[in-house]
Protein backbone atom coordinates (compact mmCIF):
# COMPACT_ATOMS: atom_id res chain seq x y z
CA MET A 1 243.78 -57.48 17.15
CA LYS A 2 243.76 -56.78 13.38
CA THR A 3 242.96 -60.44 12.77
CA GLU A 4 239.79 -60.36 14.86
CA VAL A 5 238.69 -56.99 13.47
CA ILE A 6 239.07 -58.18 9.87
CA ARG A 7 237.46 -61.55 10.62
CA ASN A 8 234.47 -59.94 12.36
CA LEU A 9 233.99 -57.38 9.58
CA TYR A 10 234.22 -60.12 6.95
CA ILE A 11 231.62 -62.28 8.71
CA GLU A 12 229.28 -59.32 9.23
CA GLN A 13 229.54 -58.44 5.52
CA LEU A 14 228.62 -62.03 4.66
CA LYS A 15 225.55 -61.73 6.88
CA GLY A 16 224.67 -58.32 5.43
CA ASN A 17 224.76 -56.96 8.97
CA ASN A 18 227.91 -54.85 8.88
CA VAL A 19 226.71 -51.24 9.18
CA ARG A 20 226.90 -50.94 12.98
CA LEU A 21 230.34 -52.53 13.17
CA GLU A 22 231.66 -50.51 10.23
CA ARG A 23 230.46 -47.27 11.84
CA TYR A 24 232.19 -48.23 15.07
CA TYR A 25 235.51 -48.86 13.31
CA GLU A 26 235.10 -45.74 11.19
CA HIS A 27 234.68 -43.74 14.41
CA GLN A 28 237.82 -45.38 15.84
CA LEU A 29 239.76 -44.54 12.65
CA ASN A 30 238.70 -40.91 12.88
CA LEU A 31 240.41 -40.73 16.27
CA CYS A 32 243.80 -41.59 14.72
CA PRO A 33 245.98 -38.51 14.05
CA ASN A 34 247.51 -39.95 10.84
CA ILE A 35 244.06 -40.65 9.43
CA ASN A 36 242.84 -37.16 10.30
CA LYS A 37 245.80 -35.67 8.42
CA LEU A 38 244.95 -37.72 5.33
CA GLY A 39 241.36 -36.49 5.48
CA LEU A 40 242.54 -32.89 5.24
CA VAL A 41 244.52 -33.40 2.04
CA ASP A 42 243.35 -31.47 -0.99
CA PRO A 43 245.34 -32.70 -4.00
CA TYR A 44 246.86 -30.45 -6.62
CA VAL A 45 244.59 -29.89 -9.63
CA SER A 46 246.78 -31.97 -11.97
CA LEU A 47 246.96 -34.85 -9.50
CA ARG A 48 243.21 -34.73 -8.84
CA SER A 49 242.57 -34.83 -12.59
CA ALA A 50 244.89 -37.84 -13.04
CA TYR A 51 243.32 -39.54 -10.01
CA MET A 52 239.78 -39.03 -11.33
CA ASP A 53 240.77 -40.39 -14.74
CA TYR A 54 242.28 -43.44 -13.04
CA ARG A 55 239.14 -44.05 -10.97
CA ASP A 56 236.90 -43.81 -14.02
CA ASN A 57 239.06 -45.67 -16.54
CA TYR A 58 241.60 -47.89 -14.78
CA ARG A 59 240.30 -51.06 -16.45
CA ASN A 60 241.38 -49.62 -19.80
CA TYR A 61 244.71 -48.21 -18.62
CA SER A 62 247.85 -48.97 -20.59
CA THR A 63 251.34 -49.24 -19.17
CA ASP A 64 251.94 -45.64 -20.30
CA ASP A 65 248.78 -44.48 -18.49
CA PHE A 66 249.95 -46.12 -15.25
CA ASP A 67 253.45 -44.65 -15.72
CA ASN A 68 251.98 -41.15 -16.17
CA LEU A 69 249.76 -41.59 -13.11
CA ASN A 70 252.75 -42.71 -11.06
CA LYS A 71 254.78 -39.69 -12.22
CA GLU A 72 251.95 -37.45 -11.04
CA ILE A 73 251.84 -39.22 -7.65
CA MET A 74 255.62 -38.92 -7.29
CA GLY A 75 255.60 -35.24 -8.27
CA ARG A 76 252.46 -34.01 -6.51
CA GLY A 77 251.53 -36.68 -3.97
CA ILE A 78 252.09 -36.54 -0.23
CA GLU A 79 254.42 -38.66 1.86
CA LEU A 80 252.64 -41.35 3.84
CA GLN A 81 253.13 -40.87 7.58
CA LYS A 82 255.02 -43.51 9.56
CA ASP A 83 252.84 -46.24 11.09
CA THR A 84 249.84 -45.48 8.91
CA VAL A 85 248.05 -48.76 8.25
CA LEU A 86 246.29 -49.20 4.92
CA PHE A 87 244.11 -52.09 3.77
CA HIS A 88 244.03 -53.75 0.36
CA GLY A 89 241.82 -56.64 -0.82
CA ARG A 90 242.40 -58.79 -3.91
CA GLY A 91 242.06 -62.19 -5.53
CA ASN A 92 245.78 -62.92 -5.84
CA GLU A 93 248.90 -62.30 -3.79
CA LEU A 94 250.57 -58.94 -3.94
CA GLY A 95 254.30 -58.74 -4.64
CA GLU A 96 256.45 -55.81 -5.71
CA THR A 97 254.14 -53.36 -7.42
CA VAL A 98 254.74 -52.30 -11.01
CA ARG A 99 251.85 -49.81 -11.04
CA PRO A 100 250.08 -47.67 -8.45
CA ILE A 101 248.00 -49.72 -6.02
CA SER A 102 244.67 -48.74 -4.55
CA SER A 103 244.23 -49.15 -0.81
CA SER A 104 241.93 -47.80 1.89
CA ILE A 105 242.22 -46.64 5.47
CA HIS A 106 239.04 -48.62 6.15
CA PRO A 107 239.29 -52.42 6.36
CA SER A 108 235.68 -52.90 5.20
CA ILE A 109 236.52 -51.47 1.78
CA ALA A 110 239.39 -53.95 1.36
CA ILE A 111 237.12 -56.78 2.48
CA TRP A 112 234.50 -55.77 -0.09
CA HIS A 113 237.12 -55.72 -2.87
CA ALA A 114 238.46 -59.14 -1.81
CA ARG A 115 234.92 -60.58 -1.75
CA LYS A 116 234.31 -59.13 -5.23
CA HIS A 117 237.00 -61.52 -6.51
CA ARG A 118 234.82 -64.38 -5.27
CA ASN A 119 231.71 -62.89 -6.82
CA PHE A 120 230.56 -62.36 -3.22
CA GLU A 121 230.15 -66.13 -2.73
CA LEU A 122 230.90 -67.81 0.62
CA ALA A 123 233.58 -70.04 -0.88
CA GLY A 124 235.69 -70.12 -3.99
CA GLN A 125 239.11 -68.97 -5.03
CA PRO A 126 241.37 -67.73 -2.23
CA VAL A 127 241.18 -64.03 -1.42
CA PHE A 128 243.76 -61.88 0.30
CA ILE A 129 243.27 -58.94 2.63
CA TYR A 130 246.40 -56.97 3.37
CA ALA A 131 247.06 -54.77 6.39
CA LEU A 132 249.96 -52.64 5.12
CA ASN A 133 252.05 -50.62 7.55
CA ALA A 134 254.18 -47.72 6.33
CA THR A 135 257.58 -47.89 8.00
CA LYS A 136 259.62 -44.82 8.91
CA GLU A 137 262.09 -45.63 6.19
CA SER A 138 259.44 -46.02 3.51
CA MET A 139 259.11 -42.41 2.24
CA LEU A 140 256.13 -43.60 0.16
CA LYS A 141 254.18 -41.14 -1.96
CA VAL A 142 250.41 -41.39 -2.18
CA CYS A 143 247.39 -39.65 -3.63
CA VAL A 144 244.40 -39.02 -1.37
CA ASP A 145 241.07 -37.33 -1.99
CA PHE A 146 238.45 -38.27 0.62
CA SER A 147 236.29 -35.26 -0.30
CA ASP A 148 235.47 -36.64 -3.76
CA ILE A 149 231.69 -37.00 -4.05
CA LYS A 150 231.79 -40.08 -6.31
CA PHE A 151 234.41 -42.16 -4.47
CA GLY A 152 235.14 -40.39 -1.17
CA HIS A 153 233.31 -43.08 0.81
CA GLU A 154 236.06 -45.57 -0.13
CA TYR A 155 238.69 -43.60 1.82
CA GLU A 156 241.06 -44.52 -0.99
CA VAL A 157 244.80 -44.02 -0.74
CA LEU A 158 246.53 -44.61 -4.07
CA LEU A 159 250.09 -45.82 -3.47
CA GLN A 160 252.95 -45.13 -5.85
CA SER A 161 254.36 -48.03 -7.87
CA GLY A 162 257.62 -49.73 -6.93
CA ILE A 163 256.53 -50.83 -3.48
CA VAL A 164 257.84 -53.98 -1.82
CA ILE A 165 255.57 -55.94 0.50
CA LYS A 166 257.50 -57.40 3.45
CA GLU A 167 255.20 -60.01 4.93
CA LEU A 168 255.22 -60.21 8.72
CA ASN A 169 252.27 -62.47 9.45
CA ARG A 170 249.77 -64.55 7.47
CA LYS A 171 246.60 -66.03 8.92
CA GLN A 172 243.73 -67.86 7.34
CA ILE A 173 240.79 -66.14 9.03
CA LEU A 174 238.10 -68.13 7.19
CA ASP A 175 238.12 -70.84 4.53
CA GLY A 176 240.30 -69.46 1.72
CA VAL A 177 240.37 -65.94 3.25
CA PHE A 178 243.86 -64.81 4.19
CA LEU A 179 244.90 -61.78 6.21
CA ILE A 180 248.46 -60.73 5.51
CA GLU A 181 250.09 -58.17 7.77
CA ALA A 182 253.08 -56.55 6.08
CA ASN A 183 255.38 -53.57 6.04
CA ILE A 184 255.55 -51.57 2.84
CA GLU A 185 258.54 -49.69 1.55
CA ILE A 186 260.09 -48.49 -1.68
CA ALA A 187 261.91 -51.13 -3.73
């Protein structure tokens, strides 16, 4: 099912006709108990401050900046609930993470970020959309702030560093567009 959902959303974004479908899936997401719990999270002040700095300045972040952000996530973040599925889009494959990784509960956001790596062209370099499932054993820490006025619409979930991606399934859903379903857990 994830394959068809992602494929349909990707095609509708290409057509510029994705609002109705995105609203439908957003409504479906809001019915999920794990997603509702994430929406209620209000991060600690220090974590919110670190998160906002990351959102505004991540392109200029040093290794030390990412290490400090990860320490804040580990110390003040919440544990991701079992079977929560997060989406991540990118222009290269994702392996073990050495810095916090941005993801979203909404597949359309991951699709948009994957398409950005192609400059929103129909074809070009391969792009990867990940459907990441938190396993019971994962004990992953995350930072969430859906109430943020500037970025709340992205439904961002910032994952701690040191995560291993255990690929379960890979499908090419369009030319050079890959959906990878995987479990995530701590290295």
